[in-house]
Every structure is written in structure tokens, then in C-alpha cells.
Amino acid sequence: MEQTQNKDDNENMLNNAAYRRFFPQLVNDHEGEWIVFSKGELIGIFKSRIEAIQTIKTYNLLQNCNVVSPITKWKRKVTLGFGRKLK
């Protein structure tokens, strides 16, 4: 379990760093759309949350800690680890 926790923490750290790095450009060019980050990489920009989640399923990223978030200047709720079954 500890090894899984370390992997999750590392992926969360990578995703959060990538989100902060891309955020200024994303909010200027894509406000109102949705993003997915996985393993510290921008997976894609989507018109809806449904499209973002479908991409996670399509690319078999359910086992990863993912960030699925609307692109907005306002406070947002970020879903970490979408699709992961926690014990």
C-alpha cells in the first residue's frame, strides 16, 4: 500500500506542476473547456467533462492519478485519481 501511495503522491505532484505551468496559456486560450493531465502530461483539452472522461477511458488511464478540471480563473473543484478504486 505504501508503494502505491508514493506512486500516487508522485503522480499528483507531476500533474499539479504541469497544471501550474500550462495554466496561464490555458485560461487565455481555452477558458470554459476541460483539461486532463496524467503522469505530468497534458493529455488533452475538451469541450465537455464527458469528453475528458471518455478520453481517460479510451487511453486506458483509469489506473493513474489524473487531473480532470474545467479551465477557469475562478476557484475550481479538481478531481484527482478519477476512476481509481481506493481501498
Protein backbone atom coordinates (compact mmCIF):
# COMPACT_ATOMS: atom_id res chain seq x y z
CA MET A 1 0.00 0.00 0.00
CA GLU A 2 2.84 2.41 0.83
CA GLN A 3 4.38 1.91 -2.63
CA THR A 4 1.01 2.75 -4.22
CA GLN A 5 0.73 5.84 -2.02
CA ASN A 6 4.20 7.01 -3.08
CA LYS A 7 3.30 6.47 -6.74
CA ASP A 8 0.05 8.40 -6.27
CA ASP A 9 1.83 11.25 -4.48
CA ASN A 10 4.43 11.45 -7.24
CA GLU A 11 1.78 11.49 -9.98
CA ASN A 12 -0.21 14.15 -8.12
CA MET A 13 2.91 16.29 -7.78
CA LEU A 14 3.70 15.93 -11.50
CA ASN A 15 0.10 16.72 -12.50
CA ASN A 16 -0.09 19.78 -10.25
CA ALA A 17 3.24 21.13 -11.53
CA ALA A 18 2.15 20.64 -15.14
CA TYR A 19 -1.20 22.30 -14.45
CA ARG A 20 0.51 25.36 -12.95
CA ARG A 21 2.94 25.53 -15.87
CA PHE A 22 0.19 25.42 -18.52
CA PHE A 23 -2.48 27.41 -16.64
CA PRO A 24 -1.75 30.95 -17.96
CA GLN A 25 -1.93 29.83 -21.58
CA LEU A 26 -4.91 27.56 -20.98
CA VAL A 27 -7.02 30.19 -19.26
CA ASN A 28 -6.27 32.71 -22.03
CA ASP A 29 -6.95 30.37 -24.94
CA HIS A 30 -9.40 27.77 -23.62
CA GLU A 31 -11.41 29.16 -20.72
CA GLY A 32 -14.63 27.20 -20.27
CA GLU A 33 -13.20 23.98 -21.68
CA TRP A 34 -11.90 20.95 -19.77
CA ILE A 35 -8.40 19.50 -19.39
CA VAL A 36 -6.93 16.15 -18.49
CA PHE A 37 -3.44 15.70 -17.04
CA SER A 38 -1.93 12.28 -16.40
CA LYS A 39 1.61 11.45 -15.26
CA GLY A 40 2.52 15.12 -15.51
CA GLU A 41 1.50 15.48 -19.14
CA LEU A 42 -1.36 17.38 -20.74
CA ILE A 43 -3.47 14.65 -22.32
CA GLY A 44 -5.92 16.99 -23.99
CA ILE A 45 -8.33 19.91 -23.98
CA PHE A 46 -12.01 19.10 -24.35
CA LYS A 47 -15.32 20.88 -24.86
CA SER A 48 -17.04 18.95 -22.05
CA ARG A 49 -16.34 16.91 -18.93
CA ILE A 50 -17.86 13.87 -20.64
CA GLU A 51 -15.32 14.10 -23.48
CA ALA A 52 -12.48 14.43 -20.96
CA ILE A 53 -13.60 11.37 -19.01
CA GLN A 54 -14.15 9.35 -22.19
CA THR A 55 -10.54 10.09 -23.18
CA ILE A 56 -9.29 8.69 -19.87
CA LYS A 57 -11.20 5.51 -20.61
CA THR A 58 -10.12 5.37 -24.27
CA TYR A 59 -6.42 5.74 -23.45
CA ASN A 60 -6.68 3.27 -20.53
CA LEU A 61 -5.59 5.84 -17.93
CA LEU A 62 -8.02 4.71 -15.25
CA GLN A 63 -5.21 3.25 -13.12
CA ASN A 64 -3.39 6.61 -12.96
CA CYS A 65 -3.96 9.65 -10.79
CA ASN A 66 -5.48 12.07 -13.29
CA VAL A 67 -6.49 15.68 -13.07
CA VAL A 68 -9.80 16.46 -14.76
CA SER A 69 -10.65 20.12 -14.40
CA PRO A 70 -12.56 22.95 -16.03
CA ILE A 71 -10.33 25.75 -17.26
CA THR A 72 -11.43 28.80 -15.32
CA LYS A 73 -10.00 31.78 -13.48
CA TRP A 74 -12.39 31.09 -10.61
CA LYS A 75 -11.93 28.55 -7.86
CA ARG A 76 -12.50 25.11 -9.22
CA LYS A 77 -13.01 21.61 -7.98
CA VAL A 78 -10.30 19.27 -9.24
CA THR A 79 -10.93 15.56 -9.42
CA LEU A 80 -7.79 13.61 -8.64
CA GLY A 81 -7.49 9.94 -9.39
CA PHE A 82 -10.64 9.70 -11.44
CA GLY A 83 -11.55 6.07 -11.94
CA ARG A 84 -9.15 4.67 -9.38
CA LYS A 85 -10.65 2.28 -6.89
CA LEU A 86 -9.44 3.21 -3.42
CA LYS A 87 -9.25 0.58 -0.70
